[in-house]
Amino acid sequence: MPLSCRGHYDRPDESLTKAGEELRVRTVRGTDGTRTVLTYKGAAVDEDSGSRPEDETHGG
């Protein structure tokens, strides 16, 4: 079972949160090693479903 450590980040004025955006860094440890995942989630594009655009990149 992979373990995950998470951190959410924002600007000092909390402008990401106020805009409904999110920036997250996770370190995932699994049987295949450790990887870091950076995720940006944009503001909701569909209020009914809460659908949000998401970009993610992986590091070593």
N, C-alpha and C. Protein backbone atom coordinates (compact mmCIF):
# COMPACT_ATOMS: atom_id res chain seq x y z
N MET A 1 0.84 -1.18 0.00
CA MET A 1 0.00 0.00 0.00
C MET A 1 0.89 1.24 0.00
N PRO A 2 0.74 2.14 -0.99
CA PRO A 2 1.57 3.33 -1.05
C PRO A 2 1.24 4.31 0.08
N LEU A 3 2.25 4.98 0.56
CA LEU A 3 2.06 6.04 1.54
C LEU A 3 2.20 7.37 0.83
N SER A 4 1.45 8.36 1.28
CA SER A 4 1.48 9.66 0.63
C SER A 4 1.62 10.75 1.67
N CYS A 5 2.47 11.73 1.39
CA CYS A 5 2.64 12.91 2.24
C CYS A 5 2.24 14.10 1.38
N ARG A 6 1.36 14.94 1.87
CA ARG A 6 0.81 16.03 1.05
C ARG A 6 1.10 17.40 1.65
N GLY A 7 1.19 18.37 0.76
CA GLY A 7 1.30 19.76 1.17
C GLY A 7 0.56 20.63 0.18
N HIS A 8 -0.27 21.52 0.68
CA HIS A 8 -0.98 22.47 -0.16
C HIS A 8 -0.31 23.83 -0.02
N TYR A 9 -0.20 24.53 -1.14
CA TYR A 9 0.51 25.80 -1.16
C TYR A 9 -0.37 26.89 -1.74
N ASP A 10 -0.15 28.10 -1.26
CA ASP A 10 -0.87 29.27 -1.74
C ASP A 10 0.03 30.48 -1.61
N ARG A 11 -0.36 31.56 -2.23
CA ARG A 11 0.36 32.82 -2.08
C ARG A 11 0.01 33.42 -0.73
N PRO A 12 0.84 34.35 -0.22
CA PRO A 12 0.54 34.95 1.09
C PRO A 12 -0.85 35.60 1.17
N ASP A 13 -1.36 36.11 0.04
CA ASP A 13 -2.68 36.74 0.06
C ASP A 13 -3.81 35.74 -0.18
N GLU A 14 -3.47 34.44 -0.23
CA GLU A 14 -4.42 33.35 -0.43
C GLU A 14 -5.22 33.49 -1.72
N SER A 15 -4.60 34.08 -2.73
CA SER A 15 -5.31 34.33 -3.99
C SER A 15 -5.68 33.05 -4.74
N LEU A 16 -4.90 31.98 -4.59
CA LEU A 16 -5.27 30.72 -5.23
C LEU A 16 -6.57 30.18 -4.63
N THR A 17 -6.63 30.14 -3.32
CA THR A 17 -7.82 29.65 -2.63
C THR A 17 -9.03 30.51 -2.96
N LYS A 18 -8.87 31.81 -2.94
CA LYS A 18 -9.98 32.72 -3.25
C LYS A 18 -10.49 32.53 -4.67
N ALA A 19 -9.61 32.15 -5.58
CA ALA A 19 -10.00 31.93 -6.98
C ALA A 19 -10.50 30.51 -7.22
N GLY A 20 -10.51 29.67 -6.18
CA GLY A 20 -10.96 28.29 -6.32
C GLY A 20 -9.90 27.39 -6.95
N GLU A 21 -8.63 27.81 -6.89
CA GLU A 21 -7.53 27.04 -7.46
C GLU A 21 -6.75 26.35 -6.35
N GLU A 22 -5.95 25.36 -6.74
CA GLU A 22 -5.20 24.59 -5.74
C GLU A 22 -3.84 24.17 -6.31
N LEU A 23 -2.80 24.27 -5.49
CA LEU A 23 -1.47 23.79 -5.85
C LEU A 23 -1.04 22.82 -4.76
N ARG A 24 -0.72 21.59 -5.17
CA ARG A 24 -0.42 20.54 -4.20
C ARG A 24 0.85 19.80 -4.60
N VAL A 25 1.66 19.47 -3.60
CA VAL A 25 2.84 18.63 -3.80
C VAL A 25 2.67 17.39 -2.93
N ARG A 26 2.83 16.22 -3.55
CA ARG A 26 2.73 14.96 -2.81
C ARG A 26 3.99 14.14 -3.04
N THR A 27 4.42 13.47 -2.00
CA THR A 27 5.49 12.48 -2.10
C THR A 27 4.84 11.13 -1.87
N VAL A 28 4.95 10.27 -2.86
CA VAL A 28 4.29 8.96 -2.80
C VAL A 28 5.37 7.89 -2.70
N ARG A 29 5.27 7.07 -1.68
CA ARG A 29 6.21 5.96 -1.49
C ARG A 29 5.47 4.65 -1.72
N GLY A 30 5.96 3.88 -2.66
CA GLY A 30 5.33 2.59 -2.97
C GLY A 30 6.38 1.52 -3.14
N THR A 31 5.93 0.36 -3.55
CA THR A 31 6.85 -0.77 -3.74
C THR A 31 7.83 -0.52 -4.88
N ASP A 32 7.47 0.40 -5.78
CA ASP A 32 8.34 0.71 -6.92
C ASP A 32 9.23 1.92 -6.66
N GLY A 33 9.27 2.43 -5.43
CA GLY A 33 10.13 3.56 -5.09
C GLY A 33 9.34 4.77 -4.64
N THR A 34 10.00 5.91 -4.63
CA THR A 34 9.41 7.17 -4.18
C THR A 34 9.33 8.12 -5.36
N ARG A 35 8.20 8.82 -5.47
CA ARG A 35 8.06 9.82 -6.52
C ARG A 35 7.36 11.05 -5.95
N THR A 36 7.61 12.18 -6.56
CA THR A 36 6.99 13.43 -6.17
C THR A 36 6.02 13.85 -7.26
N VAL A 37 4.84 14.30 -6.85
CA VAL A 37 3.80 14.68 -7.80
C VAL A 37 3.38 16.11 -7.49
N LEU A 38 3.45 16.99 -8.51
CA LEU A 38 3.00 18.37 -8.40
C LEU A 38 1.70 18.48 -9.17
N THR A 39 0.64 18.97 -8.51
CA THR A 39 -0.67 19.06 -9.14
C THR A 39 -1.20 20.48 -9.01
N TYR A 40 -1.69 21.01 -10.13
CA TYR A 40 -2.41 22.29 -10.14
C TYR A 40 -3.84 21.99 -10.54
N LYS A 41 -4.79 22.47 -9.76
CA LYS A 41 -6.21 22.35 -10.10
C LYS A 41 -6.77 23.75 -10.27
N GLY A 42 -7.37 23.98 -11.43
CA GLY A 42 -7.97 25.27 -11.71
C GLY A 42 -9.34 25.40 -11.06
N ALA A 43 -9.93 26.55 -11.27
CA ALA A 43 -11.26 26.81 -10.74
C ALA A 43 -12.28 25.93 -11.48
N ALA A 44 -13.40 25.68 -10.82
CA ALA A 44 -14.45 24.84 -11.41
C ALA A 44 -14.93 25.44 -12.73
N VAL A 45 -15.08 24.58 -13.73
CA VAL A 45 -15.59 25.02 -15.02
C VAL A 45 -17.06 24.64 -15.19
N ASP A 46 -17.55 23.78 -14.32
CA ASP A 46 -18.95 23.38 -14.33
C ASP A 46 -19.42 23.34 -12.88
N GLU A 47 -20.19 24.32 -12.50
CA GLU A 47 -20.63 24.42 -11.10
C GLU A 47 -21.47 23.22 -10.66
N ASP A 48 -22.27 22.65 -11.57
CA ASP A 48 -23.13 21.52 -11.19
C ASP A 48 -22.32 20.28 -10.82
N SER A 49 -21.31 19.96 -11.62
CA SER A 49 -20.52 18.75 -11.36
C SER A 49 -19.27 19.04 -10.53
N GLY A 50 -18.86 20.30 -10.48
CA GLY A 50 -17.63 20.66 -9.77
C GLY A 50 -16.39 20.31 -10.57
N SER A 51 -16.57 20.00 -11.85
CA SER A 51 -15.45 19.63 -12.72
C SER A 51 -14.41 20.74 -12.76
N ARG A 52 -13.13 20.34 -12.58
CA ARG A 52 -12.03 21.30 -12.55
C ARG A 52 -10.91 20.81 -13.46
N PRO A 53 -10.30 21.73 -14.24
CA PRO A 53 -9.13 21.33 -15.02
C PRO A 53 -7.98 21.00 -14.08
N GLU A 54 -7.16 20.03 -14.47
CA GLU A 54 -6.05 19.59 -13.62
C GLU A 54 -4.83 19.30 -14.47
N ASP A 55 -3.70 19.83 -14.03
CA ASP A 55 -2.40 19.52 -14.64
C ASP A 55 -1.53 18.88 -13.58
N GLU A 56 -0.81 17.83 -13.97
CA GLU A 56 0.01 17.10 -13.02
C GLU A 56 1.32 16.74 -13.67
N THR A 57 2.39 16.82 -12.89
CA THR A 57 3.70 16.39 -13.36
C THR A 57 4.36 15.57 -12.28
N HIS A 58 5.20 14.64 -12.69
CA HIS A 58 5.86 13.71 -11.77
C HIS A 58 7.36 13.97 -11.78
N GLY A 59 7.96 13.85 -10.62
CA GLY A 59 9.40 13.97 -10.50
C GLY A 59 9.98 12.76 -9.78
N GLY A 60 11.28 12.64 -9.81
CA GLY A 60 11.95 11.49 -9.20
C GLY A 60 12.00 11.54 -7.78
